[in-house]
PDB file of N, CA and C in Angstrom:
ATOM      1  N   MET A   1      22.577  11.131  -4.594  1.00  0.00           N
ATOM      2  CA  MET A   1      22.345  12.170  -3.778  1.00  0.00           C
ATOM      3  C   MET A   1      22.926  13.678  -4.529  1.00  0.00           C
ATOM      4  N   GLY A   2      21.245  14.657  -4.491  1.00  0.00           N
ATOM      5  CA  GLY A   2      21.481  15.516  -4.793  1.00  0.00           C
ATOM      6  C   GLY A   2      21.954  16.719  -4.630  1.00  0.00           C
ATOM      7  N   ILE A   3      22.625  17.958  -5.140  1.00  0.00           N
ATOM      8  CA  ILE A   3      23.512  18.957  -4.453  1.00  0.00           C
ATOM      9  C   ILE A   3      22.451  19.850  -3.458  1.00  0.00           C
ATOM     10  N   ARG A   4      21.558  19.857  -3.804  1.00  0.00           N
ATOM     11  CA  ARG A   4      20.634  20.357  -2.556  1.00  0.00           C
ATOM     12  C   ARG A   4      21.118  19.085  -0.589  1.00  0.00           C
ATOM     13  N   GLU A   5      21.045  18.165  -0.778  1.00  0.00           N
ATOM     14  CA  GLU A   5      21.040  17.514  -0.119  1.00  0.00           C
ATOM     15  C   GLU A   5      22.841  17.576   0.730  1.00  0.00           C
ATOM     16  N   ARG A   6      23.487  17.774  -0.740  1.00  0.00           N
ATOM     17  CA  ARG A   6      24.834  18.084   0.004  1.00  0.00           C
ATOM     18  C   ARG A   6      25.558  19.223   0.633  1.00  0.00           C
ATOM     19  N   LEU A   7      24.707  20.519  -0.281  1.00  0.00           N
ATOM     20  CA  LEU A   7      24.824  21.626   0.733  1.00  0.00           C
ATOM     21  C   LEU A   7      24.427  22.299   1.461  1.00  0.00           C
ATOM     22  N   GLY A   8      22.803  21.639   1.477  1.00  0.00           N
ATOM     23  CA  GLY A   8      21.960  22.578   2.474  1.00  0.00           C
ATOM     24  C   GLY A   8      21.790  23.956   2.594  1.00  0.00           C
ATOM     25  N   ILE A   9      21.123  24.086   3.424  1.00  0.00           N
ATOM     26  CA  ILE A   9      21.275  25.875   3.734  1.00  0.00           C
ATOM     27  C   ILE A   9      22.603  26.370   4.493  1.00  0.00           C
ATOM     28  N   LEU A  10      23.106  27.240   3.887  1.00  0.00           N
ATOM     29  CA  LEU A  10      24.360  27.951   4.048  1.00  0.00           C
ATOM     30  C   LEU A  10      25.543  26.968   4.169  1.00  0.00           C
ATOM     31  N   GLY A  11      25.739  26.299   2.979  1.00  0.00           N
ATOM     32  CA  GLY A  11      26.792  24.921   2.911  1.00  0.00           C
ATOM     33  C   GLY A  11      26.823  23.999   3.820  1.00  0.00           C
ATOM     34  N   VAL A  12      25.533  24.009   4.797  1.00  0.00           N
ATOM     35  CA  VAL A  12      25.965  22.918   5.867  1.00  0.00           C
ATOM     36  C   VAL A  12      25.301  21.730   5.409  1.00  0.00           C
ATOM     37  N   ALA A  13      26.195  20.500   5.255  1.00  0.00           N
ATOM     38  CA  ALA A  13      25.168  19.184   4.863  1.00  0.00           C
ATOM     39  C   ALA A  13      24.347  18.505   5.788  1.00  0.00           C
ATOM     40  N   VAL A  14      23.438  18.186   4.597  1.00  0.00           N
ATOM     41  CA  VAL A  14      21.522  17.699   5.112  1.00  0.00           C
ATOM     42  C   VAL A  14      21.524  16.509   5.292  1.00  0.00           C
ATOM     43  N   ASP A  15      21.104  16.045   6.488  1.00  0.00           N
ATOM     44  CA  ASP A  15      20.802  14.415   6.480  1.00  0.00           C
ATOM     45  C   ASP A  15      19.514  14.126   5.968  1.00  0.00           C
ATOM     46  N   VAL A  16      19.511  13.193   4.895  1.00  0.00           N
ATOM     47  CA  VAL A  16      18.133  13.195   4.226  1.00  0.00           C
ATOM     48  C   VAL A  16      17.872  11.538   4.301  1.00  0.00           C
ATOM     49  N   GLU A  17      16.596  11.420   4.832  1.00  0.00           N
ATOM     50  CA  GLU A  17      15.788   9.936   5.577  1.00  0.00           C
ATOM     51  C   GLU A  17      15.573   9.654   4.019  1.00  0.00           C
ATOM     52  N   LYS A  18      16.382   8.315   3.818  1.00  0.00           N
ATOM     53  CA  LYS A  18      16.348   7.550   2.578  1.00  0.00           C
ATOM     54  C   LYS A  18      15.554   6.292   2.629  1.00  0.00           C
ATOM     55  N   GLU A  19      14.404   5.281   1.929  1.00  0.00           N
ATOM     56  CA  GLU A  19      14.303   4.524   2.191  1.00  0.00           C
ATOM     57  C   GLU A  19      14.504   3.371   1.235  1.00  0.00           C
ATOM     58  N   VAL A  20      14.657   2.315   1.299  1.00  0.00           N
ATOM     59  CA  VAL A  20      14.837   1.594   0.051  1.00  0.00           C
ATOM     60  C   VAL A  20      13.876   0.206  -0.052  1.00  0.00           C
ATOM     61  N   ILE A  21      12.900   0.157  -0.949  1.00  0.00           N
ATOM     62  CA  ILE A  21      11.899  -1.069  -0.875  1.00  0.00           C
ATOM     63  C   ILE A  21      11.864  -1.927  -2.030  1.00  0.00           C
ATOM     64  N   HIS A  22      12.315  -3.337  -1.683  1.00  0.00           N
ATOM     65  CA  HIS A  22      12.049  -4.578  -2.573  1.00  0.00           C
ATOM     66  C   HIS A  22      10.944  -4.854  -2.401  1.00  0.00           C
ATOM     67  N   VAL A  23      10.059  -5.198  -3.981  1.00  0.00           N
ATOM     68  CA  VAL A  23       8.881  -5.718  -3.728  1.00  0.00           C
ATOM     69  C   VAL A  23       8.889  -6.942  -5.215  1.00  0.00           C
ATOM     70  N   VAL A  24       8.825  -8.238  -4.639  1.00  0.00           N
ATOM     71  CA  VAL A  24       9.182  -9.158  -5.954  1.00  0.00           C
ATOM     72  C   VAL A  24       7.770  -9.608  -5.983  1.00  0.00           C
ATOM     73  N   VAL A  25       7.422  -9.663  -7.321  1.00  0.00           N
ATOM     74  CA  VAL A  25       5.688  -9.916  -7.646  1.00  0.00           C
ATOM     75  C   VAL A  25       6.205 -10.403  -8.883  1.00  0.00           C
ATOM     76  N   SER A  26       4.961 -11.481  -9.870  1.00  0.00           N
ATOM     77  CA  SER A  26       5.085 -11.920 -10.939  1.00  0.00           C
ATOM     78  C   SER A  26       5.080 -11.134 -12.377  1.00  0.00           C
ATOM     79  N   SER A  27       5.796 -11.375 -12.956  1.00  0.00           N
ATOM     80  CA  SER A  27       5.752 -10.279 -14.443  1.00  0.00           C
ATOM     81  C   SER A  27       4.260 -10.201 -15.014  1.00  0.00           C
ATOM     82  N   GLU A  28       3.401 -11.007 -14.706  1.00  0.00           N
ATOM     83  CA  GLU A  28       1.613 -10.690 -15.135  1.00  0.00           C
ATOM     84  C   GLU A  28       1.610  -9.402 -14.209  1.00  0.00           C
ATOM     85  N   GLN A  29       1.835  -9.125 -13.085  1.00  0.00           N
ATOM     86  CA  GLN A  29       1.169  -8.167 -11.897  1.00  0.00           C
ATOM     87  C   GLN A  29       2.710  -7.024 -11.770  1.00  0.00           C
ATOM     88  N   LYS A  30       3.457  -6.666 -12.587  1.00  0.00           N
ATOM     89  CA  LYS A  30       4.159  -5.941 -12.117  1.00  0.00           C
ATOM     90  C   LYS A  30       3.710  -4.551 -12.685  1.00  0.00           C
ATOM     91  N   ASP A  31       3.278  -4.378 -13.956  1.00  0.00           N
ATOM     92  CA  ASP A  31       2.739  -3.037 -14.618  1.00  0.00           C
ATOM     93  C   ASP A  31       1.651  -2.464 -13.239  1.00  0.00           C
ATOM     94  N   ARG A  32       0.817  -3.273 -13.059  1.00  0.00           N
ATOM     95  CA  ARG A  32      -0.593  -3.011 -11.907  1.00  0.00           C
ATOM     96  C   ARG A  32       0.157  -2.580 -10.695  1.00  0.00           C
ATOM     97  N   VAL A  33       1.018  -3.445  -9.956  1.00  0.00           N
ATOM     98  CA  VAL A  33       1.611  -2.901  -8.570  1.00  0.00           C
ATOM     99  C   VAL A  33       2.461  -1.585  -8.980  1.00  0.00           C
ATOM    100  N   PHE A  34       3.715  -1.580 -10.162  1.00  0.00           N
ATOM    101  CA  PHE A  34       4.385  -0.244 -10.421  1.00  0.00           C
ATOM    102  C   PHE A  34       3.363   0.810 -10.493  1.00  0.00           C
ATOM    103  N   GLU A  35       2.229   0.628 -11.461  1.00  0.00           N
ATOM    104  CA  GLU A  35       1.487   1.923 -11.271  1.00  0.00           C
ATOM    105  C   GLU A  35       0.380   2.679  -9.857  1.00  0.00           C
ATOM    106  N   GLN A  36       0.321   1.072  -9.333  1.00  0.00           N
ATOM    107  CA  GLN A  36      -0.326   1.980  -8.039  1.00  0.00           C
ATOM    108  C   GLN A  36       0.823   2.159  -6.555  1.00  0.00           C
ATOM    109  N   MET A  37       1.702   1.951  -7.127  1.00  0.00           N
ATOM    110  CA  MET A  37       2.806   2.181  -5.955  1.00  0.00           C
ATOM    111  C   MET A  37       3.438   3.792  -6.370  1.00  0.00           C
ATOM    112  N   TYR A  38       3.428   3.952  -7.850  1.00  0.00           N
ATOM    113  CA  TYR A  38       3.654   5.101  -8.311  1.00  0.00           C
ATOM    114  C   TYR A  38       2.720   6.247  -7.865  1.00  0.00           C
ATOM    115  N   LEU A  39       1.514   6.045  -8.008  1.00  0.00           N
ATOM    116  CA  LEU A  39       0.397   6.674  -7.777  1.00  0.00           C
ATOM    117  C   LEU A  39       0.349   7.219  -6.098  1.00  0.00           C
ATOM    118  N   SER A  40       0.272   6.036  -5.417  1.00  0.00           N
ATOM    119  CA  SER A  40       0.417   6.183  -3.772  1.00  0.00           C
ATOM    120  C   SER A  40       1.327   7.248  -3.190  1.00  0.00           C
ATOM    121  N   GLY A  41       2.811   6.824  -4.389  1.00  0.00           N
ATOM    122  CA  GLY A  41       3.690   7.074  -3.397  1.00  0.00           C
ATOM    123  C   GLY A  41       3.754   8.963  -3.661  1.00  0.00           C
ATOM    124  N   GLU A  42       3.150   9.131  -4.581  1.00  0.00           N
ATOM    125  CA  GLU A  42       3.046  10.657  -4.976  1.00  0.00           C
ATOM    126  C   GLU A  42       4.516  11.028  -6.126  1.00  0.00           C
ATOM    127  N   LEU A  43       4.747  10.016  -7.218  1.00  0.00           N
ATOM    128  CA  LEU A  43       6.096  10.243  -7.267  1.00  0.00           C
ATOM    129  C   LEU A  43       5.655  11.094  -8.584  1.00  0.00           C
ATOM    130  N   ASP A  44       5.086  11.682  -8.878  1.00  0.00           N
ATOM    131  CA  ASP A  44       4.775  12.446  -9.999  1.00  0.00           C
ATOM    132  C   ASP A  44       4.922  13.510  -9.716  1.00  0.00           C
ATOM    133  N   THR A  45       5.862  13.729  -8.333  1.00  0.00           N
ATOM    134  CA  THR A  45       6.211  15.324  -7.527  1.00  0.00           C
ATOM    135  C   THR A  45       7.418  15.444  -7.535  1.00  0.00           C
ATOM    136  N   PRO A  46       7.803  16.325  -8.115  1.00  0.00           N
ATOM    137  CA  PRO A  46       9.460  16.568  -8.045  1.00  0.00           C
ATOM    138  C   PRO A  46      10.015  15.859  -6.698  1.00  0.00           C
ATOM    139  N   GLY A  47      11.064  15.296  -6.640  1.00  0.00           N
ATOM    140  CA  GLY A  47      11.225  15.126  -4.871  1.00  0.00           C
ATOM    141  C   GLY A  47      11.129  13.762  -4.436  1.00  0.00           C
ATOM    142  N   ARG A  48       9.922  13.298  -4.978  1.00  0.00           N
ATOM    143  CA  ARG A  48       9.451  12.286  -4.030  1.00  0.00           C
ATOM    144  C   ARG A  48      10.280  10.909  -4.134  1.00  0.00           C
ATOM    145  N   GLY A  49      10.856  10.572  -5.125  1.00  0.00           N
ATOM    146  CA  GLY A  49      11.570   9.255  -5.159  1.00  0.00           C
ATOM    147  C   GLY A  49      11.276   9.053  -6.611  1.00  0.00           C
ATOM    148  N   LEU A  50      12.022   7.350  -6.127  1.00  0.00           N
ATOM    149  CA  LEU A  50      12.341   7.304  -7.475  1.00  0.00           C
ATOM    150  C   LEU A  50      12.001   5.382  -7.873  1.00  0.00           C
ATOM    151  N   MET A  51      11.349   5.227  -8.571  1.00  0.00           N
ATOM    152  CA  MET A  51      11.332   4.036  -9.061  1.00  0.00           C
ATOM    153  C   MET A  51      11.586   2.900 -10.454  1.00  0.00           C
ATOM    154  N   TYR A  52      11.973   2.090 -10.405  1.00  0.00           N
ATOM    155  CA  TYR A  52      12.337   1.231 -11.371  1.00  0.00           C
ATOM    156  C   TYR A  52      12.129  -0.243 -11.409  1.00  0.00           C
ATOM    157  N   VAL A  53      11.747  -0.854 -12.302  1.00  0.00           N
ATOM    158  CA  VAL A  53      11.595  -2.176 -12.318  1.00  0.00           C
ATOM    159  C   VAL A  53      12.785  -3.239 -12.865  1.00  0.00           C
ATOM    160  N   THR A  54      13.182  -4.315 -12.416  1.00  0.00           N
ATOM    161  CA  THR A  54      14.389  -4.874 -12.814  1.00  0.00           C
ATOM    162  C   THR A  54      13.835  -6.267 -12.453  1.00  0.00           C
ATOM    163  N   ARG A  55      14.075  -7.355 -13.873  1.00  0.00           N
ATOM    164  CA  ARG A  55      13.717  -8.392 -13.668  1.00  0.00           C
ATOM    165  C   ARG A  55      14.961  -9.308 -12.757  1.00  0.00           C
ATOM    166  N   LEU A  56      14.122 -10.223 -12.111  1.00  0.00           N
ATOM    167  CA  LEU A  56      14.415 -11.162 -10.933  1.00  0.00           C
ATOM    168  C   LEU A  56      14.607 -12.661 -11.562  1.00  0.00           C
ATOM    169  N   ASP A  57      15.821 -13.041 -12.088  1.00  0.00           N
ATOM    170  CA  ASP A  57      16.297 -14.393 -12.753  1.00  0.00           C
ATOM    171  C   ASP A  57      16.309 -15.737 -11.555  1.00  0.00           C
ATOM    172  N   LYS A  58      16.693 -14.971 -10.080  1.00  0.00           N
ATOM    173  CA  LYS A  58      17.379 -16.063  -9.258  1.00  0.00           C
ATOM    174  C   LYS A  58      16.976 -15.306  -7.901  1.00  0.00           C
ATOM    175  N   ALA A  59      16.245 -16.255  -6.715  1.00  0.00           N
ATOM    176  CA  ALA A  59      16.018 -15.676  -5.515  1.00  0.00           C
ATOM    177  C   ALA A  59      16.923 -16.942  -4.619  1.00  0.00           C
ATOM    178  N   ALA A  60      17.155 -16.800  -3.263  1.00  0.00           N
ATOM    179  CA  ALA A  60      17.517 -17.555  -2.463  1.00  0.00           C
ATOM    180  C   ALA A  60      17.139 -17.150  -0.813  1.00  0.00           C
ATOM    181  N   THR A  61      16.869 -18.157  -0.385  1.00  0.00           N
ATOM    182  CA  THR A  61      16.639 -18.001   1.382  1.00  0.00           C
ATOM    183  C   THR A  61      17.178 -18.547   2.061  1.00  0.00           C
ATOM    184  N   TYR A  62      16.967 -19.025   3.388  1.00  0.00           N
ATOM    185  CA  TYR A  62      16.686 -19.685   4.263  1.00  0.00           C
ATOM    186  C   TYR A  62      15.430 -19.962   4.934  1.00  0.00           C
ATOM    187  N   ILE A  63      15.035 -21.202   4.584  1.00  0.00           N
ATOM    188  CA  ILE A  63      13.942 -21.604   5.628  1.00  0.00           C
ATOM    189  C   ILE A  63      13.914 -22.317   6.390  1.00  0.00           C
ATOM    190  N   PRO A  64      13.937 -22.155   7.457  1.00  0.00           N
ATOM    191  CA  PRO A  64      14.015 -23.379   8.847  1.00  0.00           C
ATOM    192  C   PRO A  64      13.349 -24.393   8.659  1.00  0.00           C
ATOM    193  N   ASP A  65      14.036 -25.936   9.134  1.00  0.00           N
ATOM    194  CA  ASP A  65      13.794 -27.170   8.909  1.00  0.00           C
ATOM    195  C   ASP A  65      12.362 -27.355   9.297  1.00  0.00           C
ATOM    196  N   ASP A  66      12.165 -26.508  10.594  1.00  0.00           N
ATOM    197  CA  ASP A  66      10.615 -26.665  11.130  1.00  0.00           C
ATOM    198  C   ASP A  66       9.760 -26.139  10.253  1.00  0.00           C
ATOM    199  N   VAL A  67       9.693 -24.975   9.693  1.00  0.00           N
ATOM    200  CA  VAL A  67       8.671 -24.718   8.733  1.00  0.00           C
ATOM    201  C   VAL A  67       8.720 -25.808   7.312  1.00  0.00           C
ATOM    202  N   LEU A  68       9.912 -26.483   6.729  1.00  0.00           N
ATOM    203  CA  LEU A  68       9.825 -27.011   5.505  1.00  0.00           C
ATOM    204  C   LEU A  68       9.126 -28.265   6.071  1.00  0.00           C
ATOM    205  N   LYS A  69       9.069 -28.866   7.177  1.00  0.00           N
ATOM    206  CA  LYS A  69       8.367 -29.590   7.436  1.00  0.00           C
ATOM    207  C   LYS A  69       6.822 -29.681   7.390  1.00  0.00           C
ATOM    208  N   LYS A  70       6.729 -28.484   8.088  1.00  0.00           N
ATOM    209  CA  LYS A  70       5.038 -27.745   8.457  1.00  0.00           C
ATOM    210  C   LYS A  70       4.777 -28.129   6.873  1.00  0.00           C
ATOM    211  N   LEU A  71       5.005 -27.319   6.103  1.00  0.00           N
ATOM    212  CA  LEU A  71       4.851 -27.359   4.642  1.00  0.00           C
ATOM    213  C   LEU A  71       4.624 -28.376   4.185  1.00  0.00           C
ATOM    214  N   ALA A  72       5.672 -29.782   3.727  1.00  0.00           N
ATOM    215  CA  ALA A  72       5.418 -30.694   3.900  1.00  0.00           C
ATOM    216  C   ALA A  72       4.277 -31.560   4.309  1.00  0.00           C
ATOM    217  N   ALA A  73       4.135 -31.671   5.432  1.00  0.00           N
ATOM    218  CA  ALA A  73       2.786 -32.104   6.245  1.00  0.00           C
ATOM    219  C   ALA A  73       1.682 -31.243   5.776  1.00  0.00           C
ATOM    220  N   ASP A  74       1.433 -30.073   5.535  1.00  0.00           N
ATOM    221  CA  ASP A  74       0.210 -29.723   5.055  1.00  0.00           C
ATOM    222  C   ASP A  74      -0.187 -30.046   3.529  1.00  0.00           C
ATOM    223  N   GLU A  75       1.114 -30.489   2.903  1.00  0.00           N
ATOM    224  CA  GLU A  75       1.071 -30.751   1.244  1.00  0.00           C
ATOM    225  C   GLU A  75       0.240 -32.211   1.298  1.00  0.00           C
ATOM    226  N   GLU A  76       0.645 -33.001   2.343  1.00  0.00           N
ATOM    227  CA  GLU A  76       0.232 -34.318   2.742  1.00  0.00           C
ATOM    228  C   GLU A  76      -1.401 -34.368   2.893  1.00  0.00           C
TER     229      GLU A  76
END
């Protein structure tokens, strides 16, 4: 949080709306996706936001049994 958000006008704290977006893409697509998001978000304008790329080594999620069964049936 920057000094403007902490002090605001006349020293009053200002609530700043923040959004965090996580996007998972293949390493082959990362540069293209990054560039398009940067341009679309107008991040070349000061104070518009921050983007970064980090490597994802592992990921896991819960997949309901009925979805797994449907996927298995579709593969057959």
